[in-house]
């Protein structure tokens, strides 16, 4: 996805772990978020609830 989505005209931000992803999500607007359910640290499932509560406009 890191390679193919930009080829299709999308901007991609990659985070190595869940804690970093939460920080990035809090600081930037995204139209969509694709997360790994087995990320190191806070998983994609763990990221879902705090993110959804704070930034409901992101899918």
PDB file of N, CA and C in Angstrom:
ATOM      1  N   UNK A   1       0.810  -1.189   0.000  1.00  0.00           N
ATOM      2  CA  UNK A   1       0.000   0.000   0.000  1.00  0.00           C
ATOM      3  C   UNK A   1       0.857   1.258   0.000  1.00  0.00           C
ATOM      4  N   UNK A   2       1.973   1.182   0.687  1.00  0.00           N
ATOM      5  CA  UNK A   2       2.886   2.327   0.763  1.00  0.00           C
ATOM      6  C   UNK A   2       3.352   2.746  -0.633  1.00  0.00           C
ATOM      7  N   UNK A   3       3.438   1.810  -1.541  1.00  0.00           N
ATOM      8  CA  UNK A   3       3.903   2.096  -2.903  1.00  0.00           C
ATOM      9  C   UNK A   3       2.728   2.320  -3.858  1.00  0.00           C
ATOM     10  N   UNK A   4       1.725   1.468  -3.790  1.00  0.00           N
ATOM     11  CA  UNK A   4       0.634   1.518  -4.769  1.00  0.00           C
ATOM     12  C   UNK A   4      -0.308   2.701  -4.587  1.00  0.00           C
ATOM     13  N   UNK A   5      -0.656   3.072  -3.367  1.00  0.00           N
ATOM     14  CA  UNK A   5      -1.593   4.185  -3.173  1.00  0.00           C
ATOM     15  C   UNK A   5      -1.052   5.504  -3.716  1.00  0.00           C
ATOM     16  N   UNK A   6       0.220   5.854  -3.493  1.00  0.00           N
ATOM     17  CA  UNK A   6       0.735   7.080  -4.117  1.00  0.00           C
ATOM     18  C   UNK A   6       0.716   7.025  -5.648  1.00  0.00           C
ATOM     19  N   UNK A   7       0.933   5.868  -6.214  1.00  0.00           N
ATOM     20  CA  UNK A   7       0.866   5.726  -7.679  1.00  0.00           C
ATOM     21  C   UNK A   7      -0.528   6.047  -8.202  1.00  0.00           C
ATOM     22  N   UNK A   8      -1.528   5.854  -7.343  1.00  0.00           N
ATOM     23  CA  UNK A   8      -2.915   6.134  -7.724  1.00  0.00           C
ATOM     24  C   UNK A   8      -3.336   7.543  -7.311  1.00  0.00           C
ATOM     25  N   UNK A   9      -2.377   8.348  -6.838  1.00  0.00           N
ATOM     26  CA  UNK A   9      -2.665   9.739  -6.519  1.00  0.00           C
ATOM     27  C   UNK A   9      -3.004  10.033  -5.071  1.00  0.00           C
ATOM     28  N   UNK A  10      -2.838   9.057  -4.189  1.00  0.00           N
ATOM     29  CA  UNK A  10      -3.158   9.254  -2.777  1.00  0.00           C
ATOM     30  C   UNK A  10      -1.905   9.597  -1.977  1.00  0.00           C
ATOM     31  N   UNK A  11      -2.070  10.431  -0.955  1.00  0.00           N
ATOM     32  CA  UNK A  11      -0.976  10.700  -0.022  1.00  0.00           C
ATOM     33  C   UNK A  11      -1.001   9.614   1.050  1.00  0.00           C
ATOM     34  N   UNK A  12       0.170   9.155   1.467  1.00  0.00           N
ATOM     35  CA  UNK A  12       0.270   8.080   2.449  1.00  0.00           C
ATOM     36  C   UNK A  12       1.169   8.523   3.592  1.00  0.00           C
ATOM     37  N   UNK A  13       0.715   8.285   4.813  1.00  0.00           N
ATOM     38  CA  UNK A  13       1.519   8.505   6.011  1.00  0.00           C
ATOM     39  C   UNK A  13       1.660   7.154   6.693  1.00  0.00           C
ATOM     40  N   UNK A  14       2.885   6.721   6.945  1.00  0.00           N
ATOM     41  CA  UNK A  14       3.137   5.420   7.551  1.00  0.00           C
ATOM     42  C   UNK A  14       3.645   5.632   8.970  1.00  0.00           C
ATOM     43  N   UNK A  15       3.074   4.900   9.919  1.00  0.00           N
ATOM     44  CA  UNK A  15       3.510   4.940  11.315  1.00  0.00           C
ATOM     45  C   UNK A  15       3.962   3.540  11.707  1.00  0.00           C
ATOM     46  N   UNK A  16       5.054   3.459  12.420  1.00  0.00           N
ATOM     47  CA  UNK A  16       5.621   2.163  12.782  1.00  0.00           C
ATOM     48  C   UNK A  16       4.917   1.492  13.952  1.00  0.00           C
ATOM     49  N   UNK A  17       4.183   2.262  14.773  1.00  0.00           N
ATOM     50  CA  UNK A  17       3.490   1.666  15.914  1.00  0.00           C
ATOM     51  C   UNK A  17       2.234   2.465  16.240  1.00  0.00           C
ATOM     52  N   UNK A  18       1.410   1.898  17.106  1.00  0.00           N
ATOM     53  CA  UNK A  18       0.133   2.504  17.436  1.00  0.00           C
ATOM     54  C   UNK A  18       0.228   3.837  18.148  1.00  0.00           C
ATOM     55  N   UNK A  19       1.207   3.985  19.039  1.00  0.00           N
ATOM     56  CA  UNK A  19       1.362   5.245  19.758  1.00  0.00           C
ATOM     57  C   UNK A  19       1.684   6.387  18.793  1.00  0.00           C
ATOM     58  N   UNK A  20       2.568   6.128  17.844  1.00  0.00           N
ATOM     59  CA  UNK A  20       2.908   7.134  16.838  1.00  0.00           C
ATOM     60  C   UNK A  20       1.685   7.467  15.997  1.00  0.00           C
ATOM     61  N   UNK A  21       0.916   6.453  15.632  1.00  0.00           N
ATOM     62  CA  UNK A  21      -0.289   6.674  14.830  1.00  0.00           C
ATOM     63  C   UNK A  21      -1.277   7.578  15.563  1.00  0.00           C
ATOM     64  N   UNK A  22      -1.476   7.364  16.867  1.00  0.00           N
ATOM     65  CA  UNK A  22      -2.389   8.220  17.631  1.00  0.00           C
ATOM     66  C   UNK A  22      -1.921   9.668  17.617  1.00  0.00           C
ATOM     67  N   UNK A  23      -0.614   9.879  17.772  1.00  0.00           N
ATOM     68  CA  UNK A  23      -0.078  11.240  17.739  1.00  0.00           C
ATOM     69  C   UNK A  23      -0.287  11.903  16.393  1.00  0.00           C
ATOM     70  N   UNK A  24      -0.028  11.171  15.323  1.00  0.00           N
ATOM     71  CA  UNK A  24      -0.197  11.711  13.972  1.00  0.00           C
ATOM     72  C   UNK A  24      -1.674  12.003  13.703  1.00  0.00           C
ATOM     73  N   UNK A  25      -2.553  11.105  14.122  1.00  0.00           N
ATOM     74  CA  UNK A  25      -3.989  11.307  13.911  1.00  0.00           C
ATOM     75  C   UNK A  25      -4.501  12.526  14.669  1.00  0.00           C
ATOM     76  N   UNK A  26      -3.914  12.811  15.819  1.00  0.00           N
ATOM     77  CA  UNK A  26      -4.338  13.967  16.613  1.00  0.00           C
ATOM     78  C   UNK A  26      -3.867  15.285  16.003  1.00  0.00           C
ATOM     79  N   UNK A  27      -2.778  15.251  15.242  1.00  0.00           N
ATOM     80  CA  UNK A  27      -2.179  16.478  14.710  1.00  0.00           C
ATOM     81  C   UNK A  27      -2.568  16.798  13.269  1.00  0.00           C
ATOM     82  N   UNK A  28      -3.065  15.819  12.528  1.00  0.00           N
ATOM     83  CA  UNK A  28      -3.340  16.011  11.108  1.00  0.00           C
ATOM     84  C   UNK A  28      -4.735  15.520  10.754  1.00  0.00           C
ATOM     85  N   UNK A  29      -5.309  16.083   9.693  1.00  0.00           N
ATOM     86  CA  UNK A  29      -6.612  15.626   9.191  1.00  0.00           C
ATOM     87  C   UNK A  29      -6.391  14.570   8.111  1.00  0.00           C
ATOM     88  N   UNK A  30      -7.112  13.480   8.213  1.00  0.00           N
ATOM     89  CA  UNK A  30      -7.078  12.423   7.208  1.00  0.00           C
ATOM     90  C   UNK A  30      -8.504  12.111   6.785  1.00  0.00           C
ATOM     91  N   UNK A  31      -8.707  11.851   5.512  1.00  0.00           N
ATOM     92  CA  UNK A  31     -10.021  11.439   5.024  1.00  0.00           C
ATOM     93  C   UNK A  31     -10.300   9.977   5.357  1.00  0.00           C
ATOM     94  N   UNK A  32      -9.248   9.182   5.472  1.00  0.00           N
ATOM     95  CA  UNK A  32      -9.394   7.759   5.789  1.00  0.00           C
ATOM     96  C   UNK A  32      -8.137   7.283   6.498  1.00  0.00           C
ATOM     97  N   UNK A  33      -8.287   6.225   7.281  1.00  0.00           N
ATOM     98  CA  UNK A  33      -7.143   5.615   7.958  1.00  0.00           C
ATOM     99  C   UNK A  33      -7.212   4.107   7.750  1.00  0.00           C
ATOM    100  N   UNK A  34      -6.116   3.536   7.293  1.00  0.00           N
ATOM    101  CA  UNK A  34      -6.000   2.091   7.146  1.00  0.00           C
ATOM    102  C   UNK A  34      -4.992   1.657   8.194  1.00  0.00           C
ATOM    103  N   UNK A  35      -5.423   0.801   9.122  1.00  0.00           N
ATOM    104  CA  UNK A  35      -4.539   0.418  10.222  1.00  0.00           C
ATOM    105  C   UNK A  35      -4.312  -1.086  10.244  1.00  0.00           C
ATOM    106  N   UNK A  36      -3.157  -1.467  10.741  1.00  0.00           N
ATOM    107  CA  UNK A  36      -2.799  -2.865  10.941  1.00  0.00           C
ATOM    108  C   UNK A  36      -3.383  -3.289  12.288  1.00  0.00           C
ATOM    109  N   UNK A  37      -4.182  -4.325  12.293  1.00  0.00           N
ATOM    110  CA  UNK A  37      -4.798  -4.762  13.541  1.00  0.00           C
ATOM    111  C   UNK A  37      -3.792  -5.352  14.517  1.00  0.00           C
ATOM    112  N   UNK A  38      -2.591  -5.680  14.060  1.00  0.00           N
ATOM    113  CA  UNK A  38      -1.571  -6.257  14.933  1.00  0.00           C
ATOM    114  C   UNK A  38      -0.340  -5.361  15.007  1.00  0.00           C
ATOM    115  N   UNK A  39      -0.541  -4.039  15.074  1.00  0.00           N
ATOM    116  CA  UNK A  39       0.574  -3.093  15.208  1.00  0.00           C
ATOM    117  C   UNK A  39       1.296  -3.305  16.534  1.00  0.00           C
ATOM    118  N   UNK A  40       2.604  -3.028  16.575  1.00  0.00           N
ATOM    119  CA  UNK A  40       3.296  -3.041  17.868  1.00  0.00           C
ATOM    120  C   UNK A  40       2.713  -1.965  18.783  1.00  0.00           C
ATOM    121  N   UNK A  41       2.732  -2.207  20.084  1.00  0.00           N
ATOM    122  CA  UNK A  41       2.182  -1.229  21.027  1.00  0.00           C
ATOM    123  C   UNK A  41       0.670  -1.280  20.988  1.00  0.00           C
ATOM    124  N   UNK A  42       0.042  -0.138  20.774  1.00  0.00           N
ATOM    125  CA  UNK A  42      -1.411  -0.081  20.649  1.00  0.00           C
ATOM    126  C   UNK A  42      -1.768  -0.607  19.260  1.00  0.00           C
ATOM    127  N   UNK A  43      -2.640  -1.601  19.200  1.00  0.00           N
ATOM    128  CA  UNK A  43      -2.999  -2.195  17.910  1.00  0.00           C
ATOM    129  C   UNK A  43      -3.995  -1.323  17.162  1.00  0.00           C
ATOM    130  N   UNK A  44      -4.309  -1.714  15.957  1.00  0.00           N
ATOM    131  CA  UNK A  44      -5.330  -1.014  15.194  1.00  0.00           C
ATOM    132  C   UNK A  44      -6.668  -0.987  15.920  1.00  0.00           C
ATOM    133  N   UNK A  45      -6.995  -2.082  16.608  1.00  0.00           N
ATOM    134  CA  UNK A  45      -8.228  -2.096  17.409  1.00  0.00           C
ATOM    135  C   UNK A  45      -8.118  -1.102  18.545  1.00  0.00           C
ATOM    136  N   UNK A  46      -6.960  -1.032  19.189  1.00  0.00           N
ATOM    137  CA  UNK A  46      -6.764  -0.088  20.288  1.00  0.00           C
ATOM    138  C   UNK A  46      -6.803   1.349  19.815  1.00  0.00           C
ATOM    139  N   UNK A  47      -6.371   1.600  18.604  1.00  0.00           N
ATOM    140  CA  UNK A  47      -6.399   2.947  18.022  1.00  0.00           C
ATOM    141  C   UNK A  47      -7.808   3.379  17.648  1.00  0.00           C
ATOM    142  N   UNK A  48      -8.666   2.439  17.369  1.00  0.00           N
ATOM    143  CA  UNK A  48      -9.990   2.759  16.827  1.00  0.00           C
ATOM    144  C   UNK A  48     -10.818   3.619  17.775  1.00  0.00           C
ATOM    145  N   UNK A  49     -10.964   3.235  19.020  1.00  0.00           N
ATOM    146  CA  UNK A  49     -11.847   3.965  19.929  1.00  0.00           C
ATOM    147  C   UNK A  49     -11.355   5.368  20.260  1.00  0.00           C
ATOM    148  N   UNK A  50     -10.102   5.569  20.692  1.00  0.00           N
ATOM    149  CA  UNK A  50      -9.681   6.954  20.978  1.00  0.00           C
ATOM    150  C   UNK A  50      -9.763   7.841  19.749  1.00  0.00           C
ATOM    151  N   UNK A  51      -9.406   7.305  18.608  1.00  0.00           N
ATOM    152  CA  UNK A  51      -9.427   8.084  17.372  1.00  0.00           C
ATOM    153  C   UNK A  51     -10.865   8.427  16.994  1.00  0.00           C
ATOM    154  N   UNK A  52     -11.735   7.467  17.077  1.00  0.00           N
ATOM    155  CA  UNK A  52     -13.127   7.681  16.694  1.00  0.00           C
ATOM    156  C   UNK A  52     -13.769   8.731  17.596  1.00  0.00           C
ATOM    157  N   UNK A  53     -13.464   8.718  18.878  1.00  0.00           N
ATOM    158  CA  UNK A  53     -14.049   9.680  19.813  1.00  0.00           C
ATOM    159  C   UNK A  53     -13.534  11.092  19.556  1.00  0.00           C
ATOM    160  N   UNK A  54     -12.257  11.218  19.194  1.00  0.00           N
ATOM    161  CA  UNK A  54     -11.667  12.538  19.022  1.00  0.00           C
ATOM    162  C   UNK A  54     -11.792  13.112  17.633  1.00  0.00           C
ATOM    163  N   UNK A  55     -11.845  12.269  16.622  1.00  0.00           N
ATOM    164  CA  UNK A  55     -11.857  12.734  15.241  1.00  0.00           C
ATOM    165  C   UNK A  55     -12.892  11.957  14.437  1.00  0.00           C
ATOM    166  N   UNK A  56     -14.176  12.172  14.689  1.00  0.00           N
ATOM    167  CA  UNK A  56     -15.198  11.339  14.054  1.00  0.00           C
ATOM    168  C   UNK A  56     -15.324  11.497  12.546  1.00  0.00           C
ATOM    169  N   UNK A  57     -14.735  12.559  11.956  1.00  0.00           N
ATOM    170  CA  UNK A  57     -14.884  12.743  10.519  1.00  0.00           C
ATOM    171  C   UNK A  57     -13.983  11.831   9.703  1.00  0.00           C
ATOM    172  N   UNK A  58     -13.008  11.174  10.323  1.00  0.00           N
ATOM    173  CA  UNK A  58     -12.132  10.254   9.604  1.00  0.00           C
ATOM    174  C   UNK A  58     -12.759   8.869   9.578  1.00  0.00           C
ATOM    175  N   UNK A  59     -12.723   8.220   8.428  1.00  0.00           N
ATOM    176  CA  UNK A  59     -13.291   6.877   8.284  1.00  0.00           C
ATOM    177  C   UNK A  59     -12.289   5.840   8.700  1.00  0.00           C
TER     178      UNK A  59
END
